[in-house]
């Protein structure tokens, strides 16, 4: 309450102070935006900078209005509250669906947090904004690398195995896939009576940097395997 009271009764923000706050937002959001740009995310450098500067400007505007009108009509938290709720719609636009994969959740979270940082800078909380940005970059860079080591990322693929032998059992295929580090998500079996061909259609989780050659060699040891197809998972 003392901080808000100081904002209401303190001197009006000068042009130099406003410019400084906008510039600090540009630097902090730029650092986060560069990291997102490196990962080729839909919201990158420019988007993060624009969001942070906009949030900072709105916070400065909110403080200025509060200072001009005093306790009766001024409330420096009113516009900030609208930014927090409104930025969610923009973050939702960064969430994309590729087949069974959903991407952009981290970018949407960074957009929302960059807006919060912009509000903090607009309120003059430079240290808090800088610390928050440091923690965000730590999560995006250091923890991202650590999570790749602790929890290797996997991609969803469609695997088709065509065979002319009715003797092949799903248990044999499941053993080969498991030994290769592939996790089965679903299975569909089709059999063409006239052609005498059986098709095993799997949806599987594969390691991101998977060597297909080893899988081909292992599957070819099964009787009369005539075709192996690996493709992207469709919607």
C-alpha atoms as a PDB file:
ATOM      1  CA  UNK A   1       0.000   0.000   0.000  1.00  0.00           C
ATOM      2  CA  UNK A   2       2.881   2.371   0.746  1.00  0.00           C
ATOM      3  CA  UNK A   3       4.274   1.809  -2.751  1.00  0.00           C
ATOM      4  CA  UNK A   4       0.922   2.460  -4.418  1.00  0.00           C
ATOM      5  CA  UNK A   5       0.422   5.530  -2.240  1.00  0.00           C
ATOM      6  CA  UNK A   6       3.848   6.786  -3.330  1.00  0.00           C
ATOM      7  CA  UNK A   7       2.858   6.386  -6.958  1.00  0.00           C
ATOM      8  CA  UNK A   8      -0.324   8.348  -6.403  1.00  0.00           C
ATOM      9  CA  UNK A   9       1.226  11.226  -4.518  1.00  0.00           C
ATOM     10  CA  UNK A  10       4.737  11.280  -6.074  1.00  0.00           C
ATOM     11  CA  UNK A  11       5.903  13.602  -8.819  1.00  0.00           C
ATOM     12  CA  UNK A  12       4.730  13.033 -12.367  1.00  0.00           C
ATOM     13  CA  UNK A  13       6.906  10.860 -14.583  1.00  0.00           C
ATOM     14  CA  UNK A  14       9.205  12.866 -16.834  1.00  0.00           C
ATOM     15  CA  UNK A  15       9.784  12.073 -20.492  1.00  0.00           C
ATOM     16  CA  UNK A  16      13.280  10.865 -19.630  1.00  0.00           C
ATOM     17  CA  UNK A  17      11.946   8.458 -16.997  1.00  0.00           C
ATOM     18  CA  UNK A  18       9.324   7.091 -19.386  1.00  0.00           C
ATOM     19  CA  UNK A  19      11.906   6.656 -22.149  1.00  0.00           C
ATOM     20  CA  UNK A  20      14.234   4.843 -19.757  1.00  0.00           C
ATOM     21  CA  UNK A  21      11.515   2.421 -18.748  1.00  0.00           C
ATOM     22  CA  UNK A  22      10.591   1.702 -22.354  1.00  0.00           C
ATOM     23  CA  UNK A  23      14.261   1.137 -23.189  1.00  0.00           C
ATOM     24  CA  UNK A  24      14.732  -1.249 -20.257  1.00  0.00           C
ATOM     25  CA  UNK A  25      11.697  -3.223 -21.446  1.00  0.00           C
ATOM     26  CA  UNK A  26      13.196  -3.384 -24.915  1.00  0.00           C
ATOM     27  CA  UNK A  27      16.456  -4.841 -23.572  1.00  0.00           C
ATOM     28  CA  UNK A  28      14.890  -7.375 -21.216  1.00  0.00           C
ATOM     29  CA  UNK A  29      12.213  -8.575 -23.625  1.00  0.00           C
ATOM     30  CA  UNK A  30      14.787  -8.635 -26.433  1.00  0.00           C
ATOM     31  CA  UNK A  31      16.930 -11.113 -24.503  1.00  0.00           C
ATOM     32  CA  UNK A  32      13.964 -13.447 -24.053  1.00  0.00           C
ATOM     33  CA  UNK A  33      12.802 -12.908 -27.635  1.00  0.00           C
ATOM     34  CA  UNK A  34      16.222 -13.841 -29.023  1.00  0.00           C
ATOM     35  CA  UNK A  35      16.068 -17.169 -27.204  1.00  0.00           C
ATOM     36  CA  UNK A  36      12.624 -17.865 -28.679  1.00  0.00           C
ATOM     37  CA  UNK A  37      13.835 -16.768 -32.119  1.00  0.00           C
ATOM     38  CA  UNK A  38      16.698 -19.270 -31.929  1.00  0.00           C
ATOM     39  CA  UNK A  39      14.144 -22.048 -31.455  1.00  0.00           C
ATOM     40  CA  UNK A  40      12.140 -20.753 -34.457  1.00  0.00           C
ATOM     41  CA  UNK A  41       9.029 -20.145 -32.395  1.00  0.00           C
ATOM     42  CA  UNK A  42       6.024 -18.288 -33.864  1.00  0.00           C
ATOM     43  CA  UNK A  43       6.524 -15.438 -31.362  1.00  0.00           C
ATOM     44  CA  UNK A  44      10.140 -14.291 -31.489  1.00  0.00           C
ATOM     45  CA  UNK A  45      12.262 -11.198 -30.954  1.00  0.00           C
ATOM     46  CA  UNK A  46       9.958  -8.513 -32.335  1.00  0.00           C
ATOM     47  CA  UNK A  47       6.805  -9.941 -30.774  1.00  0.00           C
ATOM     48  CA  UNK A  48       8.299 -10.083 -27.281  1.00  0.00           C
ATOM     49  CA  UNK A  49       9.716  -6.567 -27.555  1.00  0.00           C
ATOM     50  CA  UNK A  50       6.430  -5.094 -28.774  1.00  0.00           C
ATOM     51  CA  UNK A  51       4.459  -6.838 -26.014  1.00  0.00           C
ATOM     52  CA  UNK A  52       6.825  -5.656 -23.273  1.00  0.00           C
ATOM     53  CA  UNK A  53       6.939  -2.070 -24.541  1.00  0.00           C
ATOM     54  CA  UNK A  54       3.153  -1.998 -24.864  1.00  0.00           C
ATOM     55  CA  UNK A  55       2.699  -3.323 -21.330  1.00  0.00           C
ATOM     56  CA  UNK A  56       5.232  -0.806 -19.999  1.00  0.00           C
ATOM     57  CA  UNK A  57       3.494   2.071 -21.744  1.00  0.00           C
ATOM     58  CA  UNK A  58       0.115   0.993 -20.382  1.00  0.00           C
ATOM     59  CA  UNK A  59       1.536   0.788 -16.869  1.00  0.00           C
ATOM     60  CA  UNK A  60       3.089   4.251 -17.206  1.00  0.00           C
ATOM     61  CA  UNK A  61      -0.247   5.532 -18.486  1.00  0.00           C
ATOM     62  CA  UNK A  62      -2.039   3.920 -15.553  1.00  0.00           C
ATOM     63  CA  UNK A  63       0.344   5.523 -13.054  1.00  0.00           C
ATOM     64  CA  UNK A  64       0.083   8.918 -14.753  1.00  0.00           C
ATOM     65  CA  UNK A  65      -3.711   8.815 -14.681  1.00  0.00           C
ATOM     66  CA  UNK A  66      -3.628   7.859 -10.991  1.00  0.00           C
ATOM     67  CA  UNK A  67      -1.254  10.734 -10.212  1.00  0.00           C
ATOM     68  CA  UNK A  68      -3.372  13.263 -12.080  1.00  0.00           C
ATOM     69  CA  UNK A  69      -6.704  12.270 -10.520  1.00  0.00           C
ATOM     70  CA  UNK A  70      -5.655  11.187  -7.033  1.00  0.00           C
ATOM     71  CA  UNK A  71      -7.338   8.607  -4.842  1.00  0.00           C
ATOM     72  CA  UNK A  72     -10.879   9.274  -6.055  1.00  0.00           C
ATOM     73  CA  UNK A  73     -10.584   8.200  -9.686  1.00  0.00           C
ATOM     74  CA  UNK A  74      -7.045   6.943 -10.080  1.00  0.00           C
ATOM     75  CA  UNK A  75      -6.132   3.281  -9.735  1.00  0.00           C
ATOM     76  CA  UNK A  76      -2.717   2.216 -11.096  1.00  0.00           C
ATOM     77  CA  UNK A  77      -3.728  -1.446 -11.021  1.00  0.00           C
ATOM     78  CA  UNK A  78      -6.816  -1.150 -13.207  1.00  0.00           C
ATOM     79  CA  UNK A  79      -5.136  -1.078 -16.627  1.00  0.00           C
ATOM     80  CA  UNK A  80      -2.512  -3.583 -15.460  1.00  0.00           C
ATOM     81  CA  UNK A  81      -5.257  -6.053 -14.583  1.00  0.00           C
ATOM     82  CA  UNK A  82      -6.695  -5.751 -18.082  1.00  0.00           C
ATOM     83  CA  UNK A  83      -3.258  -6.395 -19.603  1.00  0.00           C
ATOM     84  CA  UNK A  84      -2.838  -9.580 -17.570  1.00  0.00           C
ATOM     85  CA  UNK A  85      -6.169 -11.001 -18.741  1.00  0.00           C
ATOM     86  CA  UNK A  86      -5.997  -9.666 -22.295  1.00  0.00           C
ATOM     87  CA  UNK A  87      -2.523 -10.967 -23.063  1.00  0.00           C
ATOM     88  CA  UNK A  88      -3.860 -14.508 -22.704  1.00  0.00           C
ATOM     89  CA  UNK A  89      -5.634 -14.213 -26.046  1.00  0.00           C
ATOM     90  CA  UNK A  90      -2.381 -13.287 -27.757  1.00  0.00           C
ATOM     91  CA  UNK A  91      -0.550 -16.152 -26.056  1.00  0.00           C
ATOM     92  CA  UNK A  92      -3.200 -18.597 -27.238  1.00  0.00           C
ATOM     93  CA  UNK A  93      -2.328 -17.674 -30.819  1.00  0.00           C
ATOM     94  CA  UNK A  94       1.203 -18.988 -30.279  1.00  0.00           C
ATOM     95  CA  UNK A  95      -0.084 -22.484 -29.427  1.00  0.00           C
ATOM     96  CA  UNK A  96      -0.069 -24.618 -32.564  1.00  0.00           C
ATOM     97  CA  UNK A  97      -1.175 -28.201 -33.198  1.00  0.00           C
ATOM     98  CA  UNK A  98       0.891 -30.388 -35.512  1.00  0.00           C
ATOM     99  CA  UNK A  99      -0.856 -33.739 -35.800  1.00  0.00           C
ATOM    100  CA  UNK A 100      -0.835 -35.196 -32.313  1.00  0.00           C
ATOM    101  CA  UNK A 101       1.859 -32.766 -31.179  1.00  0.00           C
ATOM    102  CA  UNK A 102       1.043 -29.480 -29.453  1.00  0.00           C
ATOM    103  CA  UNK A 103       3.706 -26.784 -29.645  1.00  0.00           C
ATOM    104  CA  UNK A 104       4.018 -23.231 -28.460  1.00  0.00           C
ATOM    105  CA  UNK A 105       2.991 -23.622 -24.829  1.00  0.00           C
ATOM    106  CA  UNK A 106       6.363 -22.366 -23.608  1.00  0.00           C
ATOM    107  CA  UNK A 107       6.246 -19.427 -26.009  1.00  0.00           C
ATOM    108  CA  UNK A 108       2.711 -18.567 -24.856  1.00  0.00           C
ATOM    109  CA  UNK A 109       3.955 -18.602 -21.261  1.00  0.00           C
ATOM    110  CA  UNK A 110       6.918 -16.374 -22.164  1.00  0.00           C
ATOM    111  CA  UNK A 111       4.563 -13.905 -23.865  1.00  0.00           C
ATOM    112  CA  UNK A 112       2.404 -13.691 -20.745  1.00  0.00           C
ATOM    113  CA  UNK A 113       5.455 -13.281 -18.495  1.00  0.00           C
ATOM    114  CA  UNK A 114       7.067 -10.671 -20.743  1.00  0.00           C
ATOM    115  CA  UNK A 115       3.887  -8.631 -20.393  1.00  0.00           C
ATOM    116  CA  UNK A 116       4.233  -8.926 -16.610  1.00  0.00           C
ATOM    117  CA  UNK A 117       7.854  -7.798 -16.859  1.00  0.00           C
ATOM    118  CA  UNK A 118       6.766  -4.829 -18.933  1.00  0.00           C
ATOM    119  CA  UNK A 119       4.245  -3.871 -16.261  1.00  0.00           C
ATOM    120  CA  UNK A 120       6.938  -4.163 -13.587  1.00  0.00           C
ATOM    121  CA  UNK A 121       9.327  -1.951 -15.541  1.00  0.00           C
ATOM    122  CA  UNK A 122       6.522   0.531 -16.144  1.00  0.00           C
ATOM    123  CA  UNK A 123       6.012   0.702 -12.389  1.00  0.00           C
ATOM    124  CA  UNK A 124       9.731   1.320 -11.872  1.00  0.00           C
ATOM    125  CA  UNK A 125      10.499  -2.113 -10.428  1.00  0.00           C
ATOM    126  CA  UNK A 126      13.684  -2.560 -12.438  1.00  0.00           C
ATOM    127  CA  UNK A 127      15.341  -5.050 -10.115  1.00  0.00           C
ATOM    128  CA  UNK A 128      12.288  -7.297  -9.920  1.00  0.00           C
ATOM    129  CA  UNK A 129      11.935  -7.230 -13.711  1.00  0.00           C
ATOM    130  CA  UNK A 130      15.625  -8.064 -14.225  1.00  0.00           C
ATOM    131  CA  UNK A 131      15.520 -10.937 -11.733  1.00  0.00           C
ATOM    132  CA  UNK A 132      12.354 -12.318 -13.342  1.00  0.00           C
ATOM    133  CA  UNK A 133      13.972 -12.122 -16.781  1.00  0.00           C
ATOM    134  CA  UNK A 134      17.066 -13.932 -15.485  1.00  0.00           C
ATOM    135  CA  UNK A 135      14.906 -16.723 -14.089  1.00  0.00           C
ATOM    136  CA  UNK A 136      12.979 -16.996 -17.363  1.00  0.00           C
ATOM    137  CA  UNK A 137      16.194 -17.255 -19.399  1.00  0.00           C
ATOM    138  CA  UNK A 138      17.471 -19.846 -16.929  1.00  0.00           C
ATOM    139  CA  UNK A 139      14.314 -21.905 -17.483  1.00  0.00           C
ATOM    140  CA  UNK A 140      14.397 -21.491 -21.271  1.00  0.00           C
ATOM    141  CA  UNK A 141      18.104 -22.175 -21.797  1.00  0.00           C
ATOM    142  CA  UNK A 142      19.620 -24.109 -18.896  1.00  0.00           C
ATOM    143  CA  UNK A 143      16.595 -26.177 -17.928  1.00  0.00           C
ATOM    144  CA  UNK A 144      15.827 -26.885 -21.580  1.00  0.00           C
ATOM    145  CA  UNK A 145      19.249 -28.467 -21.999  1.00  0.00           C
ATOM    146  CA  UNK A 146      18.919 -30.309 -18.701  1.00  0.00           C
ATOM    147  CA  UNK A 147      15.476 -31.666 -19.597  1.00  0.00           C
ATOM    148  CA  UNK A 148      16.851 -33.029 -22.889  1.00  0.00           C
ATOM    149  CA  UNK A 149      19.348 -35.000 -20.823  1.00  0.00           C
ATOM    150  CA  UNK A 150      16.958 -36.084 -18.077  1.00  0.00           C
ATOM    151  CA  UNK A 151      13.892 -36.609 -20.282  1.00  0.00           C
ATOM    152  CA  UNK A 152      14.933 -37.228 -23.921  1.00  0.00           C
ATOM    153  CA  UNK A 153      12.398 -35.658 -26.250  1.00  0.00           C
ATOM    154  CA  UNK A 154      10.358 -37.929 -28.473  1.00  0.00           C
ATOM    155  CA  UNK A 155       8.321 -37.398 -31.621  1.00  0.00           C
ATOM    156  CA  UNK A 156       5.138 -39.140 -32.706  1.00  0.00           C
ATOM    157  CA  UNK A 157       5.393 -41.160 -35.908  1.00  0.00           C
ATOM    158  CA  UNK A 158       3.295 -43.604 -37.895  1.00  0.00           C
ATOM    159  CA  UNK A 159       4.967 -46.958 -38.496  1.00  0.00           C
ATOM    160  CA  UNK A 160       3.635 -49.447 -41.043  1.00  0.00           C
ATOM    161  CA  UNK A 161       5.010 -52.966 -41.342  1.00  0.00           C
ATOM    162  CA  UNK A 162       3.827 -55.002 -44.335  1.00  0.00           C
ATOM    163  CA  UNK A 163       4.345 -58.755 -44.302  1.00  0.00           C
ATOM    164  CA  UNK A 164       3.215 -61.776 -46.316  1.00  0.00           C
ATOM    165  CA  UNK A 165       3.575 -64.151 -43.379  1.00  0.00           C
ATOM    166  CA  UNK A 166       0.601 -64.836 -41.092  1.00  0.00           C
ATOM    167  CA  UNK A 167       2.957 -66.209 -38.454  1.00  0.00           C
ATOM    168  CA  UNK A 168       4.269 -62.844 -37.265  1.00  0.00           C
ATOM    169  CA  UNK A 169       2.848 -61.925 -33.887  1.00  0.00           C
ATOM    170  CA  UNK A 170       2.472 -58.442 -32.445  1.00  0.00           C
ATOM    171  CA  UNK A 171       4.525 -59.580 -29.468  1.00  0.00           C
ATOM    172  CA  UNK A 172       7.575 -60.064 -31.706  1.00  0.00           C
ATOM    173  CA  UNK A 173       7.228 -56.596 -33.169  1.00  0.00           C
ATOM    174  CA  UNK A 174       6.617 -55.045 -29.741  1.00  0.00           C
ATOM    175  CA  UNK A 175       9.831 -56.619 -28.436  1.00  0.00           C
ATOM    176  CA  UNK A 176      11.880 -55.150 -31.295  1.00  0.00           C
ATOM    177  CA  UNK A 177      10.341 -51.718 -30.860  1.00  0.00           C
ATOM    178  CA  UNK A 178      10.885 -51.754 -27.108  1.00  0.00           C
ATOM    179  CA  UNK A 179      14.542 -52.744 -27.493  1.00  0.00           C
ATOM    180  CA  UNK A 180      14.970 -49.830 -29.941  1.00  0.00           C
ATOM    181  CA  UNK A 181      13.581 -47.355 -27.393  1.00  0.00           C
ATOM    182  CA  UNK A 182      10.261 -46.923 -29.209  1.00  0.00           C
ATOM    183  CA  UNK A 183       7.022 -46.750 -27.236  1.00  0.00           C
ATOM    184  CA  UNK A 184       3.800 -47.962 -28.840  1.00  0.00           C
ATOM    185  CA  UNK A 185       0.860 -45.586 -28.589  1.00  0.00           C
ATOM    186  CA  UNK A 186      -1.740 -47.474 -30.638  1.00  0.00           C
ATOM    187  CA  UNK A 187      -2.003 -50.389 -33.087  1.00  0.00           C
ATOM    188  CA  UNK A 188      -4.266 -51.224 -35.994  1.00  0.00           C
ATOM    189  CA  UNK A 189      -3.956 -54.476 -37.975  1.00  0.00           C
ATOM    190  CA  UNK A 190      -5.228 -54.862 -41.546  1.00  0.00           C
ATOM    191  CA  UNK A 191      -5.202 -58.065 -43.578  1.00  0.00           C
ATOM    192  CA  UNK A 192      -5.797 -58.271 -47.338  1.00  0.00           C
ATOM    193  CA  UNK A 193      -7.250 -61.716 -48.006  1.00  0.00           C
ATOM    194  CA  UNK A 194      -6.620 -61.890 -51.759  1.00  0.00           C
ATOM    195  CA  UNK A 195      -3.094 -60.510 -51.603  1.00  0.00           C
ATOM    196  CA  UNK A 196      -2.287 -62.444 -48.455  1.00  0.00           C
ATOM    197  CA  UNK A 197      -0.627 -59.385 -46.956  1.00  0.00           C
ATOM    198  CA  UNK A 198      -0.928 -58.217 -43.374  1.00  0.00           C
ATOM    199  CA  UNK A 199      -0.268 -54.580 -42.430  1.00  0.00           C
ATOM    200  CA  UNK A 200       0.574 -53.576 -38.883  1.00  0.00           C
ATOM    201  CA  UNK A 201      -0.137 -49.859 -38.409  1.00  0.00           C
ATOM    202  CA  UNK A 202       1.447 -48.361 -35.290  1.00  0.00           C
ATOM    203  CA  UNK A 203       1.417 -44.897 -33.789  1.00  0.00           C
ATOM    204  CA  UNK A 204       4.637 -44.714 -31.816  1.00  0.00           C
ATOM    205  CA  UNK A 205       6.815 -42.368 -29.757  1.00  0.00           C
ATOM    206  CA  UNK A 206      10.349 -42.272 -31.169  1.00  0.00           C
ATOM    207  CA  UNK A 207      13.480 -40.562 -29.824  1.00  0.00           C
ATOM    208  CA  UNK A 208      14.071 -37.290 -31.665  1.00  0.00           C
ATOM    209  CA  UNK A 209      17.469 -38.312 -33.075  1.00  0.00           C
ATOM    210  CA  UNK A 210      16.563 -41.888 -33.834  1.00  0.00           C
ATOM    211  CA  UNK A 211      18.659 -44.098 -36.152  1.00  0.00           C
ATOM    212  CA  UNK A 212      16.212 -45.826 -38.496  1.00  0.00           C
ATOM    213  CA  UNK A 213      18.826 -48.168 -39.919  1.00  0.00           C
ATOM    214  CA  UNK A 214      18.956 -50.246 -36.747  1.00  0.00           C
ATOM    215  CA  UNK A 215      15.169 -50.539 -36.707  1.00  0.00           C
ATOM    216  CA  UNK A 216      15.079 -51.617 -40.364  1.00  0.00           C
ATOM    217  CA  UNK A 217      17.699 -54.289 -39.749  1.00  0.00           C
ATOM    218  CA  UNK A 218      15.841 -55.701 -36.760  1.00  0.00           C
ATOM    219  CA  UNK A 219      12.431 -55.717 -38.462  1.00  0.00           C
ATOM    220  CA  UNK A 220      13.852 -57.392 -41.564  1.00  0.00           C
ATOM    221  CA  UNK A 221      14.740 -60.418 -39.435  1.00  0.00           C
ATOM    222  CA  UNK A 222      11.017 -61.166 -39.180  1.00  0.00           C
ATOM    223  CA  UNK A 223       9.607 -63.584 -41.737  1.00  0.00           C
ATOM    224  CA  UNK A 224       8.677 -62.147 -45.138  1.00  0.00           C
ATOM    225  CA  UNK A 225       8.573 -58.480 -44.190  1.00  0.00           C
ATOM    226  CA  UNK A 226       8.129 -56.786 -47.558  1.00  0.00           C
ATOM    227  CA  UNK A 227       7.732 -53.109 -46.685  1.00  0.00           C
ATOM    228  CA  UNK A 228       8.441 -50.722 -43.806  1.00  0.00           C
ATOM    229  CA  UNK A 229       7.002 -47.180 -43.849  1.00  0.00           C
ATOM    230  CA  UNK A 230       7.676 -44.458 -41.283  1.00  0.00           C
ATOM    231  CA  UNK A 231       5.786 -41.194 -41.657  1.00  0.00           C
ATOM    232  CA  UNK A 232       4.555 -38.131 -39.804  1.00  0.00           C
ATOM    233  CA  UNK A 233       1.515 -38.536 -37.622  1.00  0.00           C
ATOM    234  CA  UNK A 234      -1.503 -36.984 -39.326  1.00  0.00           C
ATOM    235  CA  UNK A 235      -4.327 -35.149 -37.563  1.00  0.00           C
END
